[in-house]
Amino acid sequence: MRRIPLSFLFFFIMQFVVAQNAFQKAFNSKTRSTKENIRIEFYDDIENSGHLPISIIKGKVEGPVFTIVAGVHGYEYPPIIATQKLLKEIKAEELKGTLIIIPIANIASFYTRTPFINPQDQKNLNNAFPGKKNGSITEQIAYFITTNIIPVSDVFLDVHGGDACEDLIPFVCYYNNVKKPDQTALAKKLSENSGFEYVVSYPYTISDTEPAKYTFKQAVQDGKTALSIECGKLGNVQKENVNLIKKGVYNMLETMGMYSNGTGAHKNIIYRNSQTYISSSVNGIFHSKYKAGDKVNKNDVVGYTTDEFGSVLEEYRASNDGIILYMLATPPINIDDTVMCISSYLEH
């Protein structure tokens, strides 16, 4: 068993205290109509280092605290670019309340163009919550968000998109947490007012003591109103998806009475509340004629995998009727990869 020297433990503790104090000092400032940009530094015991950029925009008057996180996966570019534009556009003097914006949560993933994980410790930030105070760099970032950002947030919005290999239709989603009806009702309202056509709800099944793993699920577990936007695909910047994310944020802020730049809800919202997932059990080359947004019927053949010589190794069938919410859209496929998510609506 590897032992961590006491000097390292002391260093981690002091590092966390300094980072915590830097955020709290900026957040608790009584000066309003301001924007302060800070970087929280992190170091772990295997010599990884990095930072978490945070922008705190304090409106002219007191009001709700709305947090926006982008770049939990650094290869999901439309959310990152949308937050860059929001940082330039939002005027503090016209804002009621406070915005906390993390424009790129996974800096190492972003700058190395690495899908899904932080290459420094091979961990997925969106699978690391609540994190660890003295853990690897990814675990420390998750812990900082859990212990500093989430507690002060009234609304927590986590913005994602399709990663380098994923085709995806834009949607907004929330957890249907029946134990927290008020927070769930507000998350549903914000989703419906976002301007997105597809509003997706997920069942909330974990206890208060189980690891939440996912970023905005941690906020839900901690009793906050939390939701997520999924918009963008295939590791590219699509202008229309950047604009759709911005529209979603502005609509949510207007719903909260924080900012007046909304355009209203989508005229024909499509609800989805039941998701099933098809996974691969082989490595090989993936083939499919389908794309995200296509309708499928139960038992339709939606794709197959071959070996390097073209022999079929595995065939994939739709598990139910629905639409393809997102799917693998590049040829390489590995064991346990998600082939696609099929979404439908079930009457309760």
Protein backbone atom coordinates (compact mmCIF):
# COMPACT_ATOMS: atom_id res chain seq x y z
CA MET A 1 0.00 0.00 0.00
CA ARG A 2 1.42 3.37 -1.01
CA ARG A 3 1.77 5.87 1.80
CA ILE A 4 1.44 9.58 1.19
CA PRO A 5 3.98 11.60 3.20
CA LEU A 6 2.56 13.96 5.80
CA SER A 7 4.22 16.86 3.99
CA PHE A 8 2.12 16.07 0.91
CA LEU A 9 -1.06 15.90 2.97
CA PHE A 10 -0.27 19.24 4.56
CA PHE A 11 0.40 20.72 1.10
CA PHE A 12 -2.96 19.46 -0.21
CA ILE A 13 -4.81 20.84 2.80
CA MET A 14 -3.18 24.26 2.48
CA GLN A 15 -3.76 24.27 -1.30
CA PHE A 16 -7.46 23.61 -0.77
CA VAL A 17 -7.77 26.28 1.91
CA VAL A 18 -6.10 28.87 -0.33
CA ALA A 19 -8.33 27.94 -3.29
CA GLN A 20 -11.45 28.00 -1.14
CA ASN A 21 -10.55 31.39 0.28
CA ALA A 22 -9.90 32.84 -3.20
CA PHE A 23 -13.33 31.78 -4.41
CA GLN A 24 -15.15 32.84 -1.24
CA LYS A 25 -13.43 36.23 -1.24
CA ALA A 26 -14.59 36.94 -4.80
CA PHE A 27 -18.07 35.49 -4.28
CA ASN A 28 -18.72 37.26 -0.97
CA SER A 29 -17.57 40.68 -2.16
CA LYS A 30 -20.22 43.32 -1.43
CA THR A 31 -19.29 45.32 -4.52
CA ARG A 32 -21.89 44.82 -7.25
CA SER A 33 -22.13 45.40 -11.02
CA THR A 34 -18.76 43.68 -11.31
CA LYS A 35 -17.11 40.75 -13.03
CA GLU A 36 -14.13 39.03 -11.44
CA ASN A 37 -12.17 36.27 -13.14
CA ILE A 38 -10.15 33.89 -10.96
CA ARG A 39 -8.15 30.71 -11.47
CA ILE A 40 -8.13 28.00 -8.83
CA GLU A 41 -4.88 26.03 -8.94
CA PHE A 42 -4.67 22.28 -8.32
CA TYR A 43 -1.75 19.89 -7.79
CA ASP A 44 -1.77 16.19 -7.00
CA ASP A 45 0.80 13.76 -5.61
CA ILE A 46 1.80 12.42 -9.04
CA GLU A 47 2.93 15.88 -10.15
CA ASN A 48 -0.13 16.84 -12.17
CA SER A 49 -1.09 20.50 -12.11
CA GLY A 50 -3.90 22.53 -13.59
CA HIS A 51 -6.49 25.15 -12.85
CA LEU A 52 -10.22 25.82 -12.83
CA PRO A 53 -11.24 29.14 -14.43
CA ILE A 54 -14.21 30.81 -12.74
CA SER A 55 -15.94 34.06 -13.65
CA ILE A 56 -18.21 35.67 -11.05
CA ILE A 57 -20.59 38.29 -12.41
CA LYS A 58 -22.45 40.21 -9.71
CA GLY A 59 -25.53 42.09 -10.85
CA LYS A 60 -26.58 45.54 -9.78
CA VAL A 61 -28.99 44.15 -7.19
CA GLU A 62 -29.21 41.01 -5.07
CA GLY A 63 -30.96 37.97 -6.50
CA PRO A 64 -30.54 34.27 -7.29
CA VAL A 65 -27.19 32.59 -7.88
CA PHE A 66 -27.12 30.86 -11.26
CA THR A 67 -24.14 28.64 -12.09
CA ILE A 68 -23.15 27.59 -15.61
CA VAL A 69 -20.50 24.90 -16.16
CA ALA A 70 -19.09 24.06 -19.59
CA GLY A 71 -16.19 21.90 -20.69
CA VAL A 72 -16.59 19.07 -18.19
CA HIS A 73 -15.60 17.18 -21.32
CA GLY A 74 -13.01 19.35 -23.05
CA TYR A 75 -13.77 18.06 -26.57
CA GLU A 76 -17.36 19.31 -26.44
CA TYR A 77 -16.78 22.66 -28.12
CA PRO A 78 -20.18 24.35 -28.68
CA PRO A 79 -20.82 24.70 -24.89
CA ILE A 80 -17.34 26.15 -24.39
CA ILE A 81 -17.69 28.66 -27.22
CA ALA A 82 -21.21 29.59 -26.09
CA THR A 83 -19.93 30.45 -22.60
CA GLN A 84 -17.16 32.57 -24.15
CA LYS A 85 -19.81 34.60 -25.95
CA LEU A 86 -22.00 34.84 -22.85
CA LEU A 87 -19.06 36.18 -20.84
CA LYS A 88 -18.69 39.00 -23.37
CA GLU A 89 -22.39 39.73 -23.84
CA ILE A 90 -23.89 39.70 -20.35
CA LYS A 91 -23.86 43.14 -18.77
CA ALA A 92 -23.46 43.14 -15.00
CA GLU A 93 -25.44 46.38 -14.64
CA GLU A 94 -28.47 44.68 -16.25
CA LEU A 95 -28.21 41.49 -14.20
CA LYS A 96 -30.18 40.74 -11.05
CA GLY A 97 -28.35 38.32 -8.78
CA THR A 98 -25.08 36.53 -9.45
CA LEU A 99 -23.74 34.39 -12.26
CA ILE A 100 -20.98 31.88 -11.64
CA ILE A 101 -19.51 30.68 -14.94
CA ILE A 102 -16.94 27.92 -15.31
CA PRO A 103 -16.10 28.21 -19.03
CA ILE A 104 -13.84 25.13 -19.21
CA ALA A 105 -13.97 22.71 -16.29
CA ASN A 106 -11.55 20.19 -17.83
CA ILE A 107 -8.64 22.33 -18.99
CA ALA A 108 -6.26 19.42 -19.70
CA SER A 109 -8.85 17.63 -21.85
CA PHE A 110 -9.48 20.82 -23.81
CA TYR A 111 -5.89 21.72 -24.62
CA THR A 112 -4.87 18.16 -25.51
CA ARG A 113 -8.04 17.55 -27.55
CA THR A 114 -8.79 14.46 -25.47
CA PRO A 115 -12.38 13.13 -25.53
CA PHE A 116 -14.17 12.28 -22.28
CA ILE A 117 -11.23 12.05 -19.85
CA ASN A 118 -8.55 14.18 -18.27
CA PRO A 119 -5.36 12.74 -19.83
CA GLN A 120 -3.36 13.61 -16.72
CA ASP A 121 -5.00 10.95 -14.54
CA GLN A 122 -7.20 9.13 -17.09
CA LYS A 123 -10.35 10.00 -15.13
CA ASN A 124 -13.68 11.26 -16.44
CA LEU A 125 -14.71 14.40 -14.54
CA ASN A 126 -18.34 13.55 -15.27
CA ASN A 127 -17.88 10.30 -13.37
CA ALA A 128 -15.87 11.66 -10.44
CA PHE A 129 -18.37 13.40 -8.15
CA PRO A 130 -18.40 14.16 -5.26
CA GLY A 131 -14.63 13.97 -5.73
CA LYS A 132 -11.82 13.70 -3.19
CA LYS A 133 -10.05 16.50 -1.33
CA ASN A 134 -6.65 14.78 -1.57
CA GLY A 135 -7.31 12.73 -4.69
CA SER A 136 -6.02 12.97 -8.23
CA ILE A 137 -6.37 16.27 -10.06
CA THR A 138 -9.77 15.34 -11.57
CA GLU A 139 -11.07 14.23 -8.18
CA GLN A 140 -9.86 17.49 -6.61
CA ILE A 141 -11.69 19.58 -9.23
CA ALA A 142 -14.88 17.60 -8.62
CA TYR A 143 -14.46 18.07 -4.87
CA PHE A 144 -13.98 21.81 -5.23
CA ILE A 145 -17.14 22.15 -7.31
CA THR A 146 -19.04 19.96 -4.84
CA THR A 147 -17.92 21.84 -1.74
CA ASN A 148 -17.72 25.42 -3.02
CA ILE A 149 -19.74 26.00 -6.19
CA ILE A 150 -22.80 23.82 -5.68
CA PRO A 151 -23.57 24.97 -2.09
CA VAL A 152 -23.92 28.64 -3.09
CA SER A 153 -25.93 27.93 -6.27
CA ASP A 154 -29.69 28.28 -6.53
CA VAL A 155 -29.66 26.89 -10.07
CA PHE A 156 -26.87 24.70 -11.46
CA LEU A 157 -26.68 24.28 -15.25
CA ASP A 158 -24.22 21.80 -16.74
CA VAL A 159 -23.76 22.28 -20.51
CA HIS A 160 -22.60 19.37 -22.67
CA GLY A 161 -22.61 18.29 -26.30
CA GLY A 162 -21.70 15.32 -28.44
CA ASP A 163 -18.04 14.48 -27.95
CA ALA A 164 -15.60 13.75 -30.79
CA CYS A 165 -17.31 10.50 -31.79
CA GLU A 166 -20.94 11.31 -30.94
CA ASP A 167 -23.85 12.43 -33.10
CA LEU A 168 -26.54 14.09 -30.97
CA ILE A 169 -29.77 16.05 -31.31
CA PRO A 170 -30.05 19.16 -29.10
CA PHE A 171 -32.04 18.66 -25.91
CA VAL A 172 -32.40 19.91 -22.36
CA CYS A 173 -32.74 17.45 -19.50
CA TYR A 174 -33.37 17.14 -15.77
CA TYR A 175 -33.82 14.46 -13.12
CA ASN A 176 -37.33 13.68 -11.94
CA ASN A 177 -36.43 13.63 -8.25
CA VAL A 178 -39.73 13.00 -6.46
CA LYS A 179 -38.04 13.54 -3.07
CA LYS A 180 -37.33 17.16 -4.02
CA PRO A 181 -40.60 18.26 -5.71
CA ASP A 182 -39.97 22.01 -5.60
CA GLN A 183 -36.50 21.78 -7.13
CA THR A 184 -37.72 19.29 -9.72
CA ALA A 185 -40.67 21.51 -10.65
CA LEU A 186 -38.36 24.47 -11.23
CA ALA A 187 -35.93 22.34 -13.27
CA LYS A 188 -38.87 21.23 -15.43
CA LYS A 189 -40.07 24.82 -15.83
CA LEU A 190 -36.61 26.05 -16.82
CA SER A 191 -36.32 23.18 -19.30
CA GLU A 192 -39.71 23.94 -20.84
CA ASN A 193 -38.90 27.66 -21.13
CA SER A 194 -35.41 27.07 -22.55
CA GLY A 195 -36.44 27.19 -26.20
CA PHE A 196 -35.29 23.61 -26.86
CA GLU A 197 -37.64 21.35 -28.78
CA TYR A 198 -36.75 18.19 -26.86
CA VAL A 199 -37.24 18.13 -23.08
CA VAL A 200 -35.91 14.92 -21.55
CA SER A 201 -36.36 13.71 -17.99
CA TYR A 202 -34.41 10.94 -16.28
CA PRO A 203 -35.47 8.90 -13.26
CA TYR A 204 -33.59 9.73 -10.08
CA THR A 205 -32.79 6.48 -8.31
CA ILE A 206 -29.75 7.01 -6.08
CA SER A 207 -29.78 7.48 -2.31
CA ASP A 208 -28.34 10.47 -0.45
CA THR A 209 -25.18 8.49 0.37
CA GLU A 210 -24.37 6.95 -3.02
CA PRO A 211 -21.78 8.71 -5.23
CA ALA A 212 -23.63 10.94 -7.67
CA LYS A 213 -20.82 10.56 -10.26
CA TYR A 214 -22.33 13.07 -12.72
CA THR A 215 -21.77 16.79 -12.36
CA PHE A 216 -25.34 18.09 -12.26
CA LYS A 217 -26.60 14.92 -10.54
CA GLN A 218 -24.37 15.91 -7.61
CA ALA A 219 -26.21 19.22 -7.44
CA VAL A 220 -29.55 17.39 -7.50
CA GLN A 221 -28.38 15.10 -4.71
CA ASP A 222 -27.36 18.16 -2.70
CA GLY A 223 -30.87 19.60 -2.94
CA LYS A 224 -30.30 22.16 -5.69
CA THR A 225 -32.32 22.90 -8.81
CA ALA A 226 -30.10 21.42 -11.50
CA LEU A 227 -30.38 20.60 -15.17
CA SER A 228 -28.29 20.07 -18.27
CA ILE A 229 -28.19 21.18 -21.88
CA GLU A 230 -26.87 18.74 -24.50
CA CYS A 231 -26.12 20.56 -27.75
CA GLY A 232 -23.46 20.12 -30.42
CA LYS A 233 -21.79 17.06 -31.90
CA LEU A 234 -18.75 15.36 -33.37
CA GLY A 235 -16.08 17.57 -31.84
CA ASN A 236 -16.91 20.56 -34.03
CA VAL A 237 -18.20 24.07 -33.44
CA GLN A 238 -21.60 24.46 -35.09
CA LYS A 239 -22.75 28.09 -35.07
CA GLU A 240 -26.41 27.12 -34.82
CA ASN A 241 -25.75 25.01 -31.73
CA VAL A 242 -23.68 27.74 -30.07
CA ASN A 243 -26.60 30.11 -30.61
CA LEU A 244 -29.10 27.55 -29.33
CA ILE A 245 -27.13 27.13 -26.10
CA LYS A 246 -27.00 30.90 -25.65
CA LYS A 247 -30.74 31.14 -26.25
CA GLY A 248 -31.34 28.43 -23.68
CA VAL A 249 -29.29 30.26 -21.05
CA TYR A 250 -30.96 33.62 -21.73
CA ASN A 251 -34.41 32.02 -21.54
CA MET A 252 -33.56 30.39 -18.22
CA LEU A 253 -32.18 33.62 -16.79
CA GLU A 254 -35.34 35.46 -17.84
CA THR A 255 -37.46 32.73 -16.24
CA MET A 256 -35.53 33.33 -13.01
CA GLY A 257 -36.12 37.10 -13.29
CA MET A 258 -32.38 37.70 -13.60
CA TYR A 259 -31.90 39.01 -17.15
CA SER A 260 -34.17 40.26 -19.95
CA ASN A 261 -32.97 38.72 -23.19
CA GLY A 262 -35.18 35.67 -23.59
CA THR A 263 -37.06 34.57 -26.70
CA GLY A 264 -39.55 32.19 -25.10
CA ALA A 265 -40.29 28.49 -25.12
CA HIS A 266 -40.33 26.30 -28.21
CA LYS A 267 -43.81 26.24 -29.74
CA ASN A 268 -43.92 22.44 -30.07
CA ILE A 269 -42.08 20.83 -27.16
CA ILE A 270 -41.46 17.10 -27.49
CA TYR A 271 -41.22 15.30 -24.16
CA ARG A 272 -39.16 12.17 -23.54
CA ASN A 273 -38.95 10.30 -20.23
CA SER A 274 -37.65 6.82 -21.00
CA GLN A 275 -34.15 6.12 -22.30
CA THR A 276 -32.64 2.76 -23.24
CA TYR A 277 -29.03 2.17 -24.20
CA ILE A 278 -27.42 -0.23 -26.63
CA SER A 279 -23.83 -1.19 -25.80
CA SER A 280 -21.10 -3.01 -27.68
CA SER A 281 -19.56 -6.24 -26.45
CA VAL A 282 -16.77 -6.36 -29.06
CA ASN A 283 -13.97 -4.27 -30.51
CA GLY A 284 -14.14 -3.57 -34.22
CA ILE A 285 -15.48 -1.27 -36.93
CA PHE A 286 -18.97 0.16 -36.45
CA HIS A 287 -21.43 0.59 -39.33
CA SER A 288 -24.86 2.25 -39.31
CA LYS A 289 -27.14 4.01 -41.80
CA TYR A 290 -28.84 5.91 -38.96
CA LYS A 291 -28.18 9.32 -37.45
CA ALA A 292 -29.28 11.12 -34.28
CA GLY A 293 -32.93 12.18 -34.48
CA ASP A 294 -34.01 9.23 -36.61
CA LYS A 295 -37.07 7.28 -35.52
CA VAL A 296 -36.65 3.56 -34.92
CA ASN A 297 -39.00 0.69 -34.19
CA LYS A 298 -38.40 -2.13 -31.76
CA ASN A 299 -36.13 -4.85 -33.22
CA ASP A 300 -34.98 -2.70 -36.14
CA VAL A 301 -31.35 -3.45 -37.03
CA VAL A 302 -29.67 -0.12 -36.26
CA GLY A 303 -26.05 -1.07 -36.83
CA TYR A 304 -23.40 -3.75 -36.76
CA THR A 305 -19.71 -4.25 -36.03
CA THR A 306 -17.17 -6.03 -38.23
CA ASP A 307 -13.60 -7.12 -37.71
CA GLU A 308 -10.74 -5.68 -39.78
CA PHE A 309 -11.56 -8.11 -42.62
CA GLY A 310 -15.24 -7.18 -42.84
CA SER A 311 -16.71 -10.21 -41.04
CA VAL A 312 -19.73 -9.27 -38.90
CA LEU A 313 -19.01 -9.69 -35.20
CA GLU A 314 -22.15 -8.20 -33.69
CA GLU A 315 -25.50 -6.81 -34.76
CA TYR A 316 -27.48 -4.15 -32.87
CA ARG A 317 -31.28 -3.97 -32.68
CA ALA A 318 -33.51 -1.25 -31.29
CA SER A 319 -34.75 -2.27 -27.85
CA ASN A 320 -37.93 -0.21 -28.21
CA ASP A 321 -39.75 2.34 -30.38
CA GLY A 322 -38.39 5.86 -30.14
CA ILE A 323 -35.90 8.37 -31.52
CA ILE A 324 -32.13 8.20 -31.43
CA LEU A 325 -31.13 10.83 -28.89
CA TYR A 326 -27.42 10.29 -29.50
CA MET A 327 -25.22 7.63 -31.04
CA LEU A 328 -21.73 6.58 -31.99
CA ALA A 329 -20.96 8.19 -35.35
CA THR A 330 -17.37 7.17 -36.09
CA PRO A 331 -16.07 3.72 -37.11
CA PRO A 332 -13.90 2.65 -34.12
CA ILE A 333 -15.89 0.79 -31.47
CA ASN A 334 -14.72 -0.82 -28.23
CA ILE A 335 -16.19 -3.15 -25.65
CA ASP A 336 -18.78 -1.33 -23.48
CA ASP A 337 -19.04 1.65 -25.83
CA THR A 338 -22.55 3.11 -26.01
CA VAL A 339 -23.78 2.44 -29.53
CA MET A 340 -26.83 4.64 -29.12
CA CYS A 341 -29.44 5.99 -26.72
CA ILE A 342 -33.06 5.50 -27.81
CA SER A 343 -35.53 7.85 -26.16
CA SER A 344 -39.31 7.53 -25.93
CA TYR A 345 -42.25 8.77 -23.87
CA LEU A 346 -44.13 6.53 -21.48
CA GLU A 347 -47.48 7.51 -19.99
CA HIS A 348 -47.54 7.17 -16.19
